[in-house]
Amino acid sequence: MGRGVPSRLVLFPDEGHWVLKPANRVVWWREVHDWLAKYLNVFLWLPVANIFGSIISQIQQEMIKLDIAQLNSTGQTVFGPTDTAYLIFLVMGIAGYCTVPSVANYIVRAGGGGARHLYSFIHKILYHV
């Protein structure tokens, strides 16, 4: 519970310093994976929101540039096919921005394969299992 981070004590009375029995290892890694997935997911919200925010701002900049070019050339702005495309991408960016928790969860779950998939992959690399 240090620094306000929720924690849980998982005891294996039949183990020493290392969790070696296969059944215990499954429980141990499930606890580790679930904890990491829960807190890593939350910490990804801000970077994911920043990505969608930057996409939206870039689209808005391009729309303004187009309007300024139209004003300089004709003295007025006209809604055209380019504006429609920008608006479609703008709506997509706003929809993505509203789904930040889901997108972050998808990233943590390593392409939808579950958080355990990502962490078991890392575990295999680290421990050559």
N, C-alpha and C. Protein backbone atom coordinates (compact mmCIF):
# COMPACT_ATOMS: atom_id res chain seq x y z
N MET A 1 0.81 -1.19 0.00
CA MET A 1 0.00 0.00 0.00
C MET A 1 0.86 1.26 0.00
N GLY A 2 2.13 1.11 -0.30
CA GLY A 2 3.01 2.26 -0.33
C GLY A 2 2.59 3.27 -1.37
N ARG A 3 2.68 4.55 -1.03
CA ARG A 3 2.35 5.65 -1.94
C ARG A 3 0.91 5.60 -2.45
N GLY A 4 0.04 4.96 -1.70
CA GLY A 4 -1.37 4.92 -2.07
C GLY A 4 -1.71 3.96 -3.19
N VAL A 5 -0.77 3.12 -3.59
CA VAL A 5 -1.04 2.15 -4.65
C VAL A 5 -1.58 0.88 -4.02
N PRO A 6 -2.80 0.48 -4.40
CA PRO A 6 -3.36 -0.75 -3.82
C PRO A 6 -2.47 -1.95 -4.10
N SER A 7 -2.35 -2.79 -3.11
CA SER A 7 -1.54 -3.99 -3.26
C SER A 7 -2.26 -5.15 -2.57
N ARG A 8 -1.73 -6.32 -2.80
CA ARG A 8 -2.32 -7.52 -2.23
C ARG A 8 -1.20 -8.47 -1.85
N LEU A 9 -1.29 -9.05 -0.68
CA LEU A 9 -0.28 -10.02 -0.25
C LEU A 9 -0.73 -11.41 -0.70
N VAL A 10 0.11 -12.04 -1.50
CA VAL A 10 -0.19 -13.39 -1.98
C VAL A 10 0.85 -14.31 -1.35
N LEU A 11 0.37 -15.22 -0.51
CA LEU A 11 1.28 -16.13 0.21
C LEU A 11 1.25 -17.52 -0.39
N PHE A 12 2.41 -18.12 -0.45
CA PHE A 12 2.56 -19.51 -0.86
C PHE A 12 3.36 -20.20 0.23
N PRO A 13 2.68 -20.77 1.24
CA PRO A 13 3.38 -21.34 2.38
C PRO A 13 4.28 -22.52 2.01
N ASP A 14 4.03 -23.15 0.88
CA ASP A 14 4.84 -24.29 0.47
C ASP A 14 5.99 -23.89 -0.46
N GLU A 15 6.26 -22.60 -0.58
CA GLU A 15 7.33 -22.10 -1.43
C GLU A 15 8.37 -21.36 -0.60
N GLY A 16 9.55 -21.19 -1.17
CA GLY A 16 10.60 -20.41 -0.54
C GLY A 16 10.62 -19.01 -1.12
N HIS A 17 11.82 -18.54 -1.48
CA HIS A 17 11.95 -17.20 -2.06
C HIS A 17 11.41 -17.12 -3.48
N TRP A 18 11.36 -18.21 -4.17
CA TRP A 18 10.89 -18.24 -5.55
C TRP A 18 9.62 -19.07 -5.64
N VAL A 19 8.75 -18.70 -6.52
CA VAL A 19 7.53 -19.46 -6.75
C VAL A 19 7.84 -20.45 -7.86
N LEU A 20 8.02 -21.72 -7.49
CA LEU A 20 8.50 -22.71 -8.45
C LEU A 20 7.47 -23.76 -8.84
N LYS A 21 6.52 -24.07 -7.98
CA LYS A 21 5.54 -25.10 -8.30
C LYS A 21 4.60 -24.58 -9.39
N PRO A 22 4.34 -25.41 -10.40
CA PRO A 22 3.55 -24.96 -11.55
C PRO A 22 2.20 -24.34 -11.18
N ALA A 23 1.47 -24.95 -10.27
CA ALA A 23 0.16 -24.41 -9.90
C ALA A 23 0.30 -23.04 -9.24
N ASN A 24 1.32 -22.90 -8.40
CA ASN A 24 1.55 -21.62 -7.73
C ASN A 24 2.02 -20.55 -8.71
N ARG A 25 2.83 -20.97 -9.68
CA ARG A 25 3.31 -20.01 -10.68
C ARG A 25 2.16 -19.43 -11.49
N VAL A 26 1.18 -20.26 -11.80
CA VAL A 26 0.01 -19.79 -12.54
C VAL A 26 -0.72 -18.71 -11.73
N VAL A 27 -0.92 -18.98 -10.45
CA VAL A 27 -1.60 -18.00 -9.58
C VAL A 27 -0.77 -16.73 -9.47
N TRP A 28 0.53 -16.88 -9.25
CA TRP A 28 1.42 -15.73 -9.09
C TRP A 28 1.40 -14.83 -10.32
N TRP A 29 1.61 -15.43 -11.50
CA TRP A 29 1.66 -14.62 -12.71
C TRP A 29 0.30 -14.02 -13.06
N ARG A 30 -0.79 -14.72 -12.72
CA ARG A 30 -2.11 -14.14 -12.95
C ARG A 30 -2.28 -12.88 -12.11
N GLU A 31 -1.84 -12.94 -10.85
CA GLU A 31 -1.91 -11.76 -9.98
C GLU A 31 -1.07 -10.61 -10.54
N VAL A 32 0.16 -10.90 -10.95
CA VAL A 32 1.05 -9.88 -11.50
C VAL A 32 0.45 -9.28 -12.77
N HIS A 33 -0.02 -10.13 -13.67
CA HIS A 33 -0.57 -9.66 -14.94
C HIS A 33 -1.80 -8.80 -14.73
N ASP A 34 -2.69 -9.24 -13.84
CA ASP A 34 -3.91 -8.48 -13.60
C ASP A 34 -3.60 -7.12 -12.99
N TRP A 35 -2.64 -7.07 -12.06
CA TRP A 35 -2.27 -5.80 -11.44
C TRP A 35 -1.66 -4.86 -12.48
N LEU A 36 -0.73 -5.37 -13.28
CA LEU A 36 -0.10 -4.54 -14.31
C LEU A 36 -1.12 -4.05 -15.34
N ALA A 37 -2.00 -4.94 -15.77
CA ALA A 37 -3.00 -4.55 -16.76
C ALA A 37 -3.92 -3.47 -16.21
N LYS A 38 -4.28 -3.58 -14.95
CA LYS A 38 -5.18 -2.59 -14.35
C LYS A 38 -4.52 -1.21 -14.27
N TYR A 39 -3.30 -1.15 -13.78
CA TYR A 39 -2.67 0.15 -13.56
C TYR A 39 -1.95 0.68 -14.80
N LEU A 40 -1.44 -0.18 -15.64
CA LEU A 40 -0.84 0.27 -16.88
C LEU A 40 -1.91 0.85 -17.80
N ASN A 41 -3.09 0.24 -17.80
CA ASN A 41 -4.20 0.73 -18.60
C ASN A 41 -4.53 2.17 -18.23
N VAL A 42 -4.65 2.47 -16.95
CA VAL A 42 -5.01 3.82 -16.51
C VAL A 42 -3.92 4.82 -16.89
N PHE A 43 -2.65 4.42 -16.76
CA PHE A 43 -1.57 5.35 -17.07
C PHE A 43 -1.41 5.58 -18.57
N LEU A 44 -2.03 4.77 -19.39
CA LEU A 44 -1.99 4.98 -20.84
C LEU A 44 -3.06 5.94 -21.32
N TRP A 45 -4.02 6.29 -20.46
CA TRP A 45 -5.10 7.17 -20.90
C TRP A 45 -4.57 8.50 -21.40
N LEU A 46 -3.65 9.12 -20.67
CA LEU A 46 -3.16 10.44 -21.06
C LEU A 46 -2.42 10.40 -22.41
N PRO A 47 -1.46 9.48 -22.61
CA PRO A 47 -0.80 9.45 -23.93
C PRO A 47 -1.76 9.16 -25.08
N VAL A 48 -2.72 8.27 -24.86
CA VAL A 48 -3.69 7.96 -25.92
C VAL A 48 -4.56 9.19 -26.19
N ALA A 49 -4.98 9.87 -25.13
CA ALA A 49 -5.78 11.10 -25.31
C ALA A 49 -4.96 12.16 -26.05
N ASN A 50 -3.67 12.25 -25.74
CA ASN A 50 -2.81 13.21 -26.44
C ASN A 50 -2.71 12.90 -27.92
N ILE A 51 -2.65 11.63 -28.27
CA ILE A 51 -2.58 11.24 -29.68
C ILE A 51 -3.85 11.69 -30.41
N PHE A 52 -5.01 11.38 -29.83
CA PHE A 52 -6.26 11.80 -30.47
C PHE A 52 -6.37 13.32 -30.51
N GLY A 53 -5.96 13.99 -29.43
CA GLY A 53 -5.99 15.45 -29.41
C GLY A 53 -5.12 16.07 -30.49
N SER A 54 -3.93 15.49 -30.70
CA SER A 54 -3.05 16.03 -31.74
C SER A 54 -3.60 15.76 -33.13
N ILE A 55 -4.27 14.62 -33.31
CA ILE A 55 -4.91 14.34 -34.60
C ILE A 55 -6.00 15.37 -34.88
N ILE A 56 -6.82 15.65 -33.88
CA ILE A 56 -7.90 16.62 -34.04
C ILE A 56 -7.33 18.00 -34.34
N SER A 57 -6.30 18.41 -33.62
CA SER A 57 -5.74 19.75 -33.85
C SER A 57 -5.10 19.86 -35.23
N GLN A 58 -4.45 18.79 -35.69
CA GLN A 58 -3.85 18.82 -37.03
C GLN A 58 -4.92 18.95 -38.11
N ILE A 59 -6.03 18.23 -37.94
CA ILE A 59 -7.12 18.33 -38.90
C ILE A 59 -7.69 19.74 -38.91
N GLN A 60 -7.85 20.32 -37.71
CA GLN A 60 -8.37 21.69 -37.65
C GLN A 60 -7.41 22.68 -38.32
N GLN A 61 -6.12 22.48 -38.14
CA GLN A 61 -5.14 23.36 -38.79
C GLN A 61 -5.25 23.27 -40.30
N GLU A 62 -5.38 22.05 -40.81
CA GLU A 62 -5.49 21.87 -42.26
C GLU A 62 -6.77 22.50 -42.80
N MET A 63 -7.85 22.40 -42.05
CA MET A 63 -9.11 23.03 -42.48
C MET A 63 -8.96 24.55 -42.53
N ILE A 64 -8.29 25.11 -41.52
CA ILE A 64 -8.09 26.57 -41.49
C ILE A 64 -7.20 27.01 -42.65
N LYS A 65 -6.13 26.24 -42.93
CA LYS A 65 -5.26 26.57 -44.06
C LYS A 65 -6.04 26.59 -45.37
N LEU A 66 -6.91 25.60 -45.54
CA LEU A 66 -7.73 25.53 -46.74
C LEU A 66 -8.65 26.75 -46.84
N ASP A 67 -9.27 27.12 -45.73
CA ASP A 67 -10.16 28.29 -45.74
C ASP A 67 -9.39 29.57 -46.04
N ILE A 68 -8.21 29.72 -45.47
CA ILE A 68 -7.40 30.91 -45.73
C ILE A 68 -7.00 30.97 -47.20
N ALA A 69 -6.62 29.83 -47.78
CA ALA A 69 -6.26 29.79 -49.20
C ALA A 69 -7.45 30.17 -50.07
N GLN A 70 -8.65 29.68 -49.70
CA GLN A 70 -9.85 30.04 -50.46
C GLN A 70 -10.15 31.53 -50.33
N LEU A 71 -10.01 32.07 -49.13
CA LEU A 71 -10.26 33.50 -48.93
C LEU A 71 -9.27 34.35 -49.73
N ASN A 72 -8.01 33.94 -49.77
CA ASN A 72 -7.00 34.69 -50.53
C ASN A 72 -7.25 34.64 -52.03
N SER A 73 -7.74 33.50 -52.52
CA SER A 73 -7.92 33.37 -53.96
C SER A 73 -9.26 33.90 -54.45
N THR A 74 -10.35 33.63 -53.73
CA THR A 74 -11.68 34.03 -54.22
C THR A 74 -12.39 35.05 -53.35
N GLY A 75 -11.89 35.27 -52.17
CA GLY A 75 -12.54 36.20 -51.26
C GLY A 75 -13.66 35.59 -50.44
N GLN A 76 -13.93 34.30 -50.62
CA GLN A 76 -14.95 33.61 -49.83
C GLN A 76 -14.58 32.14 -49.68
N THR A 77 -15.23 31.48 -48.74
CA THR A 77 -14.97 30.04 -48.56
C THR A 77 -16.19 29.27 -49.06
N VAL A 78 -15.91 28.12 -49.63
CA VAL A 78 -16.96 27.27 -50.17
C VAL A 78 -16.77 25.87 -49.59
N PHE A 79 -17.87 25.27 -49.17
CA PHE A 79 -17.81 23.91 -48.65
C PHE A 79 -17.68 22.94 -49.81
N GLY A 80 -16.59 22.16 -49.80
CA GLY A 80 -16.34 21.26 -50.92
C GLY A 80 -15.97 19.86 -50.45
N PRO A 81 -15.54 19.02 -51.39
CA PRO A 81 -15.19 17.63 -51.07
C PRO A 81 -14.05 17.53 -50.04
N THR A 82 -13.08 18.43 -50.12
CA THR A 82 -11.97 18.41 -49.17
C THR A 82 -12.48 18.68 -47.75
N ASP A 83 -13.40 19.63 -47.64
CA ASP A 83 -13.99 19.92 -46.33
C ASP A 83 -14.73 18.70 -45.78
N THR A 84 -15.42 17.99 -46.66
CA THR A 84 -16.14 16.79 -46.23
C THR A 84 -15.17 15.76 -45.69
N ALA A 85 -14.06 15.55 -46.38
CA ALA A 85 -13.07 14.58 -45.91
C ALA A 85 -12.50 15.00 -44.55
N TYR A 86 -12.18 16.28 -44.41
CA TYR A 86 -11.66 16.77 -43.13
C TYR A 86 -12.69 16.57 -42.01
N LEU A 87 -13.95 16.84 -42.31
CA LEU A 87 -14.99 16.67 -41.29
C LEU A 87 -15.15 15.21 -40.88
N ILE A 88 -15.05 14.31 -41.85
CA ILE A 88 -15.14 12.87 -41.53
C ILE A 88 -14.01 12.48 -40.59
N PHE A 89 -12.77 12.91 -40.90
CA PHE A 89 -11.65 12.58 -40.03
C PHE A 89 -11.76 13.27 -38.68
N LEU A 90 -12.33 14.46 -38.65
CA LEU A 90 -12.54 15.17 -37.40
C LEU A 90 -13.51 14.40 -36.50
N VAL A 91 -14.60 13.92 -37.09
CA VAL A 91 -15.57 13.12 -36.33
C VAL A 91 -14.92 11.83 -35.83
N MET A 92 -14.09 11.21 -36.67
CA MET A 92 -13.39 10.00 -36.24
C MET A 92 -12.45 10.29 -35.08
N GLY A 93 -11.74 11.42 -35.13
CA GLY A 93 -10.85 11.80 -34.04
C GLY A 93 -11.60 12.07 -32.75
N ILE A 94 -12.75 12.74 -32.86
CA ILE A 94 -13.56 13.02 -31.67
C ILE A 94 -14.11 11.71 -31.09
N ALA A 95 -14.57 10.82 -31.95
CA ALA A 95 -15.06 9.52 -31.47
C ALA A 95 -13.94 8.75 -30.79
N GLY A 96 -12.75 8.79 -31.38
CA GLY A 96 -11.61 8.11 -30.75
C GLY A 96 -11.27 8.72 -29.40
N TYR A 97 -11.35 10.04 -29.33
CA TYR A 97 -11.06 10.74 -28.08
C TYR A 97 -12.04 10.33 -26.99
N CYS A 98 -13.28 10.06 -27.37
CA CYS A 98 -14.30 9.64 -26.39
C CYS A 98 -14.13 8.18 -25.97
N THR A 99 -13.31 7.43 -26.69
CA THR A 99 -13.13 6.01 -26.37
C THR A 99 -11.73 5.73 -25.83
N VAL A 100 -11.08 6.74 -25.25
CA VAL A 100 -9.71 6.59 -24.76
C VAL A 100 -9.55 5.39 -23.82
N PRO A 101 -10.42 5.18 -22.81
CA PRO A 101 -10.24 4.01 -21.94
C PRO A 101 -10.27 2.69 -22.70
N SER A 102 -11.16 2.58 -23.68
CA SER A 102 -11.24 1.34 -24.45
C SER A 102 -9.99 1.14 -25.30
N VAL A 103 -9.50 2.21 -25.90
CA VAL A 103 -8.30 2.11 -26.72
C VAL A 103 -7.10 1.73 -25.86
N ALA A 104 -6.96 2.36 -24.70
CA ALA A 104 -5.86 2.03 -23.79
C ALA A 104 -5.96 0.58 -23.34
N ASN A 105 -7.16 0.12 -23.06
CA ASN A 105 -7.35 -1.27 -22.66
C ASN A 105 -6.95 -2.21 -23.79
N TYR A 106 -7.28 -1.85 -25.02
CA TYR A 106 -6.91 -2.67 -26.17
C TYR A 106 -5.40 -2.75 -26.32
N ILE A 107 -4.71 -1.63 -26.09
CA ILE A 107 -3.25 -1.62 -26.19
C ILE A 107 -2.65 -2.53 -25.13
N VAL A 108 -3.14 -2.44 -23.90
CA VAL A 108 -2.61 -3.26 -22.80
C VAL A 108 -2.86 -4.73 -23.08
N ARG A 109 -3.97 -5.03 -23.67
CA ARG A 109 -4.29 -6.43 -23.93
C ARG A 109 -3.60 -6.96 -25.19
N ALA A 110 -2.62 -6.24 -25.67
CA ALA A 110 -1.75 -6.69 -26.76
C ALA A 110 -2.55 -7.16 -27.97
N GLY A 111 -3.26 -6.25 -28.55
CA GLY A 111 -3.99 -6.57 -29.77
C GLY A 111 -5.24 -7.39 -29.52
N GLY A 112 -5.79 -7.29 -28.33
CA GLY A 112 -7.02 -8.01 -28.03
C GLY A 112 -6.77 -9.42 -27.54
N GLY A 113 -5.52 -9.84 -27.42
CA GLY A 113 -5.21 -11.20 -27.00
C GLY A 113 -5.19 -11.39 -25.51
N GLY A 114 -5.52 -10.39 -24.75
CA GLY A 114 -5.51 -10.48 -23.29
C GLY A 114 -4.18 -10.01 -22.74
N ALA A 115 -4.23 -9.37 -21.59
CA ALA A 115 -3.02 -8.85 -20.97
C ALA A 115 -2.04 -9.97 -20.67
N ARG A 116 -2.57 -11.13 -20.36
CA ARG A 116 -1.68 -12.26 -20.05
C ARG A 116 -0.82 -12.63 -21.25
N HIS A 117 -1.33 -12.41 -22.45
CA HIS A 117 -0.56 -12.74 -23.65
C HIS A 117 0.71 -11.88 -23.72
N LEU A 118 0.57 -10.58 -23.52
CA LEU A 118 1.72 -9.69 -23.56
C LEU A 118 2.73 -10.04 -22.47
N TYR A 119 2.25 -10.23 -21.26
CA TYR A 119 3.17 -10.48 -20.16
C TYR A 119 3.75 -11.89 -20.20
N SER A 120 3.02 -12.86 -20.74
CA SER A 120 3.61 -14.18 -20.89
C SER A 120 4.69 -14.15 -21.96
N PHE A 121 4.50 -13.33 -22.98
CA PHE A 121 5.52 -13.16 -24.01
C PHE A 121 6.79 -12.56 -23.40
N ILE A 122 6.62 -11.51 -22.59
CA ILE A 122 7.76 -10.89 -21.92
C ILE A 122 8.42 -11.88 -20.97
N HIS A 123 7.61 -12.65 -20.26
CA HIS A 123 8.15 -13.65 -19.33
C HIS A 123 8.98 -14.69 -20.08
N LYS A 124 8.51 -15.11 -21.24
CA LYS A 124 9.27 -16.09 -22.03
C LYS A 124 10.62 -15.51 -22.47
N ILE A 125 10.61 -14.24 -22.83
CA ILE A 125 11.87 -13.61 -23.24
C ILE A 125 12.84 -13.52 -22.07
N LEU A 126 12.32 -13.12 -20.91
CA LEU A 126 13.18 -12.92 -19.75
C LEU A 126 13.70 -14.23 -19.16
N TYR A 127 12.85 -15.23 -19.12
CA TYR A 127 13.22 -16.47 -18.43
C TYR A 127 13.45 -17.64 -19.35
N HIS A 128 13.39 -17.41 -20.65
CA HIS A 128 13.66 -18.45 -21.66
C HIS A 128 12.83 -19.69 -21.41
N VAL A 129 11.57 -19.49 -21.10
CA VAL A 129 10.66 -20.63 -20.81
C VAL A 129 10.02 -21.09 -22.08
